[in-house]
PDB file of N, CA and C in Angstrom:
ATOM      1  N   MET A   1     108.932 100.413  90.666  1.00  0.00           N
ATOM      2  CA  MET A   1     108.255 100.298  91.712  1.00  0.00           C
ATOM      3  C   MET A   1     107.040  99.767  91.516  1.00  0.00           C
ATOM      4  N   LYS A   2     106.209  98.703  92.610  1.00  0.00           N
ATOM      5  CA  LYS A   2     105.062  98.436  92.431  1.00  0.00           C
ATOM      6  C   LYS A   2     103.969  98.573  93.359  1.00  0.00           C
ATOM      7  N   THR A   3     102.881  98.922  92.989  1.00  0.00           N
ATOM      8  CA  THR A   3     102.076  99.232  94.203  1.00  0.00           C
ATOM      9  C   THR A   3     100.313  98.669  93.510  1.00  0.00           C
ATOM     10  N   VAL A   4      99.574  98.878  94.495  1.00  0.00           N
ATOM     11  CA  VAL A   4      98.087  98.277  94.273  1.00  0.00           C
ATOM     12  C   VAL A   4      97.343  99.454  94.792  1.00  0.00           C
ATOM     13  N   ILE A   5      96.659  99.950  93.695  1.00  0.00           N
ATOM     14  CA  ILE A   5      95.288 100.761  94.245  1.00  0.00           C
ATOM     15  C   ILE A   5      93.734 100.305  93.867  1.00  0.00           C
ATOM     16  N   LYS A   6      93.019 100.421  94.674  1.00  0.00           N
ATOM     17  CA  LYS A   6      91.614 100.210  94.829  1.00  0.00           C
ATOM     18  C   LYS A   6      91.146 101.366  93.654  1.00  0.00           C
ATOM     19  N   ILE A   7      89.939 100.561  92.874  1.00  0.00           N
ATOM     20  CA  ILE A   7      89.190 101.318  91.841  1.00  0.00           C
ATOM     21  C   ILE A   7      87.711 101.187  92.417  1.00  0.00           C
ATOM     22  N   SER A   8      86.948 102.305  92.355  1.00  0.00           N
ATOM     23  CA  SER A   8      85.374 101.845  92.418  1.00  0.00           C
ATOM     24  C   SER A   8      84.950 102.329  91.056  1.00  0.00           C
ATOM     25  N   GLY A   9      83.630 101.728  91.021  1.00  0.00           N
ATOM     26  CA  GLY A   9      83.421 102.252  89.496  1.00  0.00           C
ATOM     27  C   GLY A   9      83.142 101.336  88.303  1.00  0.00           C
ATOM     28  N   MET A  10      84.224 100.367  88.658  1.00  0.00           N
ATOM     29  CA  MET A  10      84.183  99.498  87.433  1.00  0.00           C
ATOM     30  C   MET A  10      82.840  98.505  87.348  1.00  0.00           C
ATOM     31  N   THR A  11      82.567  98.235  86.439  1.00  0.00           N
ATOM     32  CA  THR A  11      80.997  97.403  86.444  1.00  0.00           C
ATOM     33  C   THR A  11      81.368  96.305  85.181  1.00  0.00           C
ATOM     34  N   CYS A  12      82.057  96.508  83.936  1.00  0.00           N
ATOM     35  CA  CYS A  12      82.196  95.430  83.187  1.00  0.00           C
ATOM     36  C   CYS A  12      83.800  95.378  82.557  1.00  0.00           C
ATOM     37  N   GLY A  13      84.300  94.669  81.779  1.00  0.00           N
ATOM     38  CA  GLY A  13      85.265  94.154  80.992  1.00  0.00           C
ATOM     39  C   GLY A  13      85.914  95.623  80.403  1.00  0.00           C
ATOM     40  N   GLY A  14      84.919  96.431  79.643  1.00  0.00           N
ATOM     41  CA  GLY A  14      85.148  97.842  79.321  1.00  0.00           C
ATOM     42  C   GLY A  14      85.772  98.824  80.142  1.00  0.00           C
ATOM     43  N   CYS A  15      84.832  98.930  81.337  1.00  0.00           N
ATOM     44  CA  CYS A  15      85.707  99.679  82.315  1.00  0.00           C
ATOM     45  C   CYS A  15      86.736  99.476  82.727  1.00  0.00           C
ATOM     46  N   ALA A  16      87.226  97.954  82.702  1.00  0.00           N
ATOM     47  CA  ALA A  16      88.814  97.492  83.428  1.00  0.00           C
ATOM     48  C   ALA A  16      89.496  98.009  82.509  1.00  0.00           C
ATOM     49  N   ALA A  17      88.985  97.782  81.054  1.00  0.00           N
ATOM     50  CA  ALA A  17      90.055  98.398  79.674  1.00  0.00           C
ATOM     51  C   ALA A  17      90.360  99.716  79.719  1.00  0.00           C
ATOM     52  N   GLY A  18      89.157 100.603  80.223  1.00  0.00           N
ATOM     53  CA  GLY A  18      89.276 102.102  80.329  1.00  0.00           C
ATOM     54  C   GLY A  18      90.422 102.379  81.264  1.00  0.00           C
ATOM     55  N   ALA A  19      90.030 101.822  82.559  1.00  0.00           N
ATOM     56  CA  ALA A  19      90.881 102.134  83.829  1.00  0.00           C
ATOM     57  C   ALA A  19      92.420 101.914  83.375  1.00  0.00           C
ATOM     58  N   LYS A  20      92.699 100.936  82.605  1.00  0.00           N
ATOM     59  CA  LYS A  20      93.890 100.337  82.477  1.00  0.00           C
ATOM     60  C   LYS A  20      94.429 101.562  81.183  1.00  0.00           C
ATOM     61  N   LYS A  21      93.916 101.509  80.351  1.00  0.00           N
ATOM     62  CA  LYS A  21      94.438 102.695  79.696  1.00  0.00           C
ATOM     63  C   LYS A  21      94.456 104.234  79.937  1.00  0.00           C
ATOM     64  N   ALA A  22      93.672 104.541  81.081  1.00  0.00           N
ATOM     65  CA  ALA A  22      93.848 105.799  81.567  1.00  0.00           C
ATOM     66  C   ALA A  22      95.144 105.621  82.215  1.00  0.00           C
ATOM     67  N   ALA A  23      95.156 104.781  83.156  1.00  0.00           N
ATOM     68  CA  ALA A  23      96.442 104.550  84.053  1.00  0.00           C
ATOM     69  C   ALA A  23      97.818 104.475  83.226  1.00  0.00           C
ATOM     70  N   GLU A  24      97.737 103.658  82.090  1.00  0.00           N
ATOM     71  CA  GLU A  24      99.068 103.836  81.337  1.00  0.00           C
ATOM     72  C   GLU A  24      99.240 105.283  80.585  1.00  0.00           C
ATOM     73  N   SER A  25      98.169 105.948  80.713  1.00  0.00           N
ATOM     74  CA  SER A  25      98.512 107.272  79.803  1.00  0.00           C
ATOM     75  C   SER A  25      99.272 108.028  80.482  1.00  0.00           C
ATOM     76  N   VAL A  26      99.658 108.081  81.936  1.00  0.00           N
ATOM     77  CA  VAL A  26     100.421 108.703  82.737  1.00  0.00           C
ATOM     78  C   VAL A  26     101.567 108.658  82.622  1.00  0.00           C
ATOM     79  N   PRO A  27     102.560 109.833  82.021  1.00  0.00           N
ATOM     80  CA  PRO A  27     103.619 109.721  82.136  1.00  0.00           C
ATOM     81  C   PRO A  27     104.568 109.074  83.614  1.00  0.00           C
ATOM     82  N   GLY A  28     105.442 107.990  83.404  1.00  0.00           N
ATOM     83  CA  GLY A  28     106.179 107.592  84.536  1.00  0.00           C
ATOM     84  C   GLY A  28     105.613 106.096  84.986  1.00  0.00           C
ATOM     85  N   VAL A  29     104.292 105.888  84.337  1.00  0.00           N
ATOM     86  CA  VAL A  29     103.583 104.575  84.546  1.00  0.00           C
ATOM     87  C   VAL A  29     104.108 103.632  83.351  1.00  0.00           C
ATOM     88  N   ASN A  30     104.628 102.496  83.912  1.00  0.00           N
ATOM     89  CA  ASN A  30     105.169 101.417  83.149  1.00  0.00           C
ATOM     90  C   ASN A  30     104.333 100.659  82.593  1.00  0.00           C
ATOM     91  N   SER A  31     103.588 100.046  83.516  1.00  0.00           N
ATOM     92  CA  SER A  31     102.495  99.045  83.069  1.00  0.00           C
ATOM     93  C   SER A  31     101.264  98.962  84.055  1.00  0.00           C
ATOM     94  N   ALA A  32     100.057  98.837  83.782  1.00  0.00           N
ATOM     95  CA  ALA A  32      98.728  98.620  84.746  1.00  0.00           C
ATOM     96  C   ALA A  32      98.185  97.447  84.668  1.00  0.00           C
ATOM     97  N   GLU A  33      97.677  96.541  85.550  1.00  0.00           N
ATOM     98  CA  GLU A  33      97.326  95.470  85.582  1.00  0.00           C
ATOM     99  C   GLU A  33      96.178  95.722  85.923  1.00  0.00           C
ATOM    100  N   VAL A  34      94.887  95.591  85.457  1.00  0.00           N
ATOM    101  CA  VAL A  34      93.611  95.953  86.250  1.00  0.00           C
ATOM    102  C   VAL A  34      92.579  94.765  86.414  1.00  0.00           C
ATOM    103  N   SER A  35      92.149  94.606  87.715  1.00  0.00           N
ATOM    104  CA  SER A  35      91.396  93.332  88.067  1.00  0.00           C
ATOM    105  C   SER A  35      90.095  94.030  88.214  1.00  0.00           C
ATOM    106  N   LEU A  36      88.820  93.473  87.429  1.00  0.00           N
ATOM    107  CA  LEU A  36      87.647  94.012  87.557  1.00  0.00           C
ATOM    108  C   LEU A  36      87.054  93.202  89.055  1.00  0.00           C
ATOM    109  N   GLU A  37      87.375  92.065  88.973  1.00  0.00           N
ATOM    110  CA  GLU A  37      86.874  91.200  90.182  1.00  0.00           C
ATOM    111  C   GLU A  37      87.298  91.556  91.684  1.00  0.00           C
ATOM    112  N   ARG A  38      88.682  91.944  91.605  1.00  0.00           N
ATOM    113  CA  ARG A  38      89.430  92.450  92.896  1.00  0.00           C
ATOM    114  C   ARG A  38      89.159  94.194  93.061  1.00  0.00           C
ATOM    115  N   ALA A  39      88.583  94.559  91.736  1.00  0.00           N
ATOM    116  CA  ALA A  39      88.324  96.385  91.896  1.00  0.00           C
ATOM    117  C   ALA A  39      89.675  96.700  92.452  1.00  0.00           C
ATOM    118  N   GLU A  40      90.988  96.393  91.726  1.00  0.00           N
ATOM    119  CA  GLU A  40      92.147  97.284  91.836  1.00  0.00           C
ATOM    120  C   GLU A  40      92.963  96.987  90.767  1.00  0.00           C
ATOM    121  N   ALA A  41      94.052  97.813  90.522  1.00  0.00           N
ATOM    122  CA  ALA A  41      94.679  98.183  89.732  1.00  0.00           C
ATOM    123  C   ALA A  41      96.530  97.991  90.273  1.00  0.00           C
ATOM    124  N   GLU A  42      97.358  96.895  89.568  1.00  0.00           N
ATOM    125  CA  GLU A  42      98.652  96.779  90.230  1.00  0.00           C
ATOM    126  C   GLU A  42      99.456  97.514  89.141  1.00  0.00           C
ATOM    127  N   LEU A  43     100.083  98.684  89.528  1.00  0.00           N
ATOM    128  CA  LEU A  43     100.618  99.607  88.828  1.00  0.00           C
ATOM    129  C   LEU A  43     102.413  99.232  88.996  1.00  0.00           C
ATOM    130  N   ARG A  44     103.086  99.335  88.114  1.00  0.00           N
ATOM    131  CA  ARG A  44     104.582  99.478  88.137  1.00  0.00           C
ATOM    132  C   ARG A  44     104.936 100.867  87.406  1.00  0.00           C
ATOM    133  N   TYR A  45     105.381 101.466  88.251  1.00  0.00           N
ATOM    134  CA  TYR A  45     105.519 103.172  87.863  1.00  0.00           C
ATOM    135  C   TYR A  45     107.044 103.457  88.657  1.00  0.00           C
ATOM    136  N   ASP A  46     107.493 104.842  88.234  1.00  0.00           N
ATOM    137  CA  ASP A  46     108.489 105.324  88.480  1.00  0.00           C
ATOM    138  C   ASP A  46     108.987 105.605  89.846  1.00  0.00           C
ATOM    139  N   GLY A  47     107.998 105.281  90.798  1.00  0.00           N
ATOM    140  CA  GLY A  47     108.027 105.855  92.387  1.00  0.00           C
ATOM    141  C   GLY A  47     107.833 106.828  92.685  1.00  0.00           C
ATOM    142  N   LYS A  48     107.719 107.583  91.981  1.00  0.00           N
ATOM    143  CA  LYS A  48     107.079 109.414  92.541  1.00  0.00           C
ATOM    144  C   LYS A  48     105.762 109.524  92.903  1.00  0.00           C
ATOM    145  N   ALA A  49     105.610 109.956  94.165  1.00  0.00           N
ATOM    146  CA  ALA A  49     104.505 110.263  94.410  1.00  0.00           C
ATOM    147  C   ALA A  49     103.637 111.053  93.520  1.00  0.00           C
ATOM    148  N   GLU A  50     104.009 111.720  92.899  1.00  0.00           N
ATOM    149  CA  GLU A  50     103.433 112.757  91.637  1.00  0.00           C
ATOM    150  C   GLU A  50     102.991 111.898  90.841  1.00  0.00           C
ATOM    151  N   THR A  51     103.295 111.049  90.641  1.00  0.00           N
ATOM    152  CA  THR A  51     102.772 109.967  89.267  1.00  0.00           C
ATOM    153  C   THR A  51     101.575 109.325  89.915  1.00  0.00           C
ATOM    154  N   LEU A  52     101.737 108.900  91.206  1.00  0.00           N
ATOM    155  CA  LEU A  52     100.541 108.119  91.938  1.00  0.00           C
ATOM    156  C   LEU A  52      99.455 109.020  91.795  1.00  0.00           C
ATOM    157  N   GLU A  53      99.692 110.179  92.292  1.00  0.00           N
ATOM    158  CA  GLU A  53      98.605 111.145  92.216  1.00  0.00           C
ATOM    159  C   GLU A  53      98.051 111.741  90.805  1.00  0.00           C
ATOM    160  N   ASP A  54      98.926 111.565  89.740  1.00  0.00           N
ATOM    161  CA  ASP A  54      98.379 111.664  88.281  1.00  0.00           C
ATOM    162  C   ASP A  54      97.629 110.786  87.946  1.00  0.00           C
ATOM    163  N   VAL A  55      98.130 109.272  88.457  1.00  0.00           N
ATOM    164  CA  VAL A  55      96.941 108.319  87.970  1.00  0.00           C
ATOM    165  C   VAL A  55      95.687 108.217  88.569  1.00  0.00           C
ATOM    166  N   LYS A  56      95.313 108.418  89.765  1.00  0.00           N
ATOM    167  CA  LYS A  56      94.194 109.164  90.598  1.00  0.00           C
ATOM    168  C   LYS A  56      93.573 109.509  89.797  1.00  0.00           C
ATOM    169  N   LYS A  57      94.182 110.977  89.162  1.00  0.00           N
ATOM    170  CA  LYS A  57      93.360 112.097  88.600  1.00  0.00           C
ATOM    171  C   LYS A  57      93.019 111.756  87.259  1.00  0.00           C
ATOM    172  N   ALA A  58      93.717 110.674  86.753  1.00  0.00           N
ATOM    173  CA  ALA A  58      93.601 110.213  85.355  1.00  0.00           C
ATOM    174  C   ALA A  58      92.142 109.156  85.389  1.00  0.00           C
ATOM    175  N   LEU A  59      92.421 108.300  86.481  1.00  0.00           N
ATOM    176  CA  LEU A  59      91.196 107.397  86.665  1.00  0.00           C
ATOM    177  C   LEU A  59      89.857 108.353  86.822  1.00  0.00           C
ATOM    178  N   GLY A  60      90.110 109.224  87.748  1.00  0.00           N
ATOM    179  CA  GLY A  60      88.898 110.266  87.771  1.00  0.00           C
ATOM    180  C   GLY A  60      88.302 110.755  86.632  1.00  0.00           C
ATOM    181  N   ARG A  61      89.103 111.314  85.919  1.00  0.00           N
ATOM    182  CA  ARG A  61      88.578 111.803  84.568  1.00  0.00           C
ATOM    183  C   ARG A  61      88.001 110.802  83.736  1.00  0.00           C
ATOM    184  N   ALA A  62      88.301 109.482  83.860  1.00  0.00           N
ATOM    185  CA  ALA A  62      87.722 108.453  83.155  1.00  0.00           C
ATOM    186  C   ALA A  62      86.436 107.925  83.796  1.00  0.00           C
ATOM    187  N   GLY A  63      85.976 108.275  85.136  1.00  0.00           N
ATOM    188  CA  GLY A  63      85.060 108.057  85.590  1.00  0.00           C
ATOM    189  C   GLY A  63      84.859 107.223  86.986  1.00  0.00           C
ATOM    190  N   PHE A  64      86.254 106.997  87.274  1.00  0.00           N
ATOM    191  CA  PHE A  64      86.492 105.995  88.548  1.00  0.00           C
ATOM    192  C   PHE A  64      86.728 106.889  89.684  1.00  0.00           C
ATOM    193  N   THR A  65      86.803 105.945  90.928  1.00  0.00           N
ATOM    194  CA  THR A  65      87.289 106.548  92.146  1.00  0.00           C
ATOM    195  C   THR A  65      88.785 105.638  92.153  1.00  0.00           C
ATOM    196  N   ALA A  66      89.492 106.281  92.460  1.00  0.00           N
ATOM    197  CA  ALA A  66      90.953 105.378  93.038  1.00  0.00           C
ATOM    198  C   ALA A  66      91.345 106.004  94.133  1.00  0.00           C
ATOM    199  N   GLY A  67      91.707 105.040  95.192  1.00  0.00           N
ATOM    200  CA  GLY A  67      92.003 105.502  96.303  1.00  0.00           C
ATOM    201  C   GLY A  67      92.821 104.372  96.971  1.00  0.00           C
TER     202      GLY A  67
END
């Protein structure tokens, strides 16, 4: 399944790389493409609501706000 989530708190390419790493560390996430310019991530994941919530939590632990 594919979805897009907004991410706030990214200010540079390093932030985008950190957000990508955080999202891809979650079991069930196949890939994450993070756009600093659009302040969002396009996720390919297993489609479970729990996985999406876990991604938001992982991004929060990395210092970002996802919603």
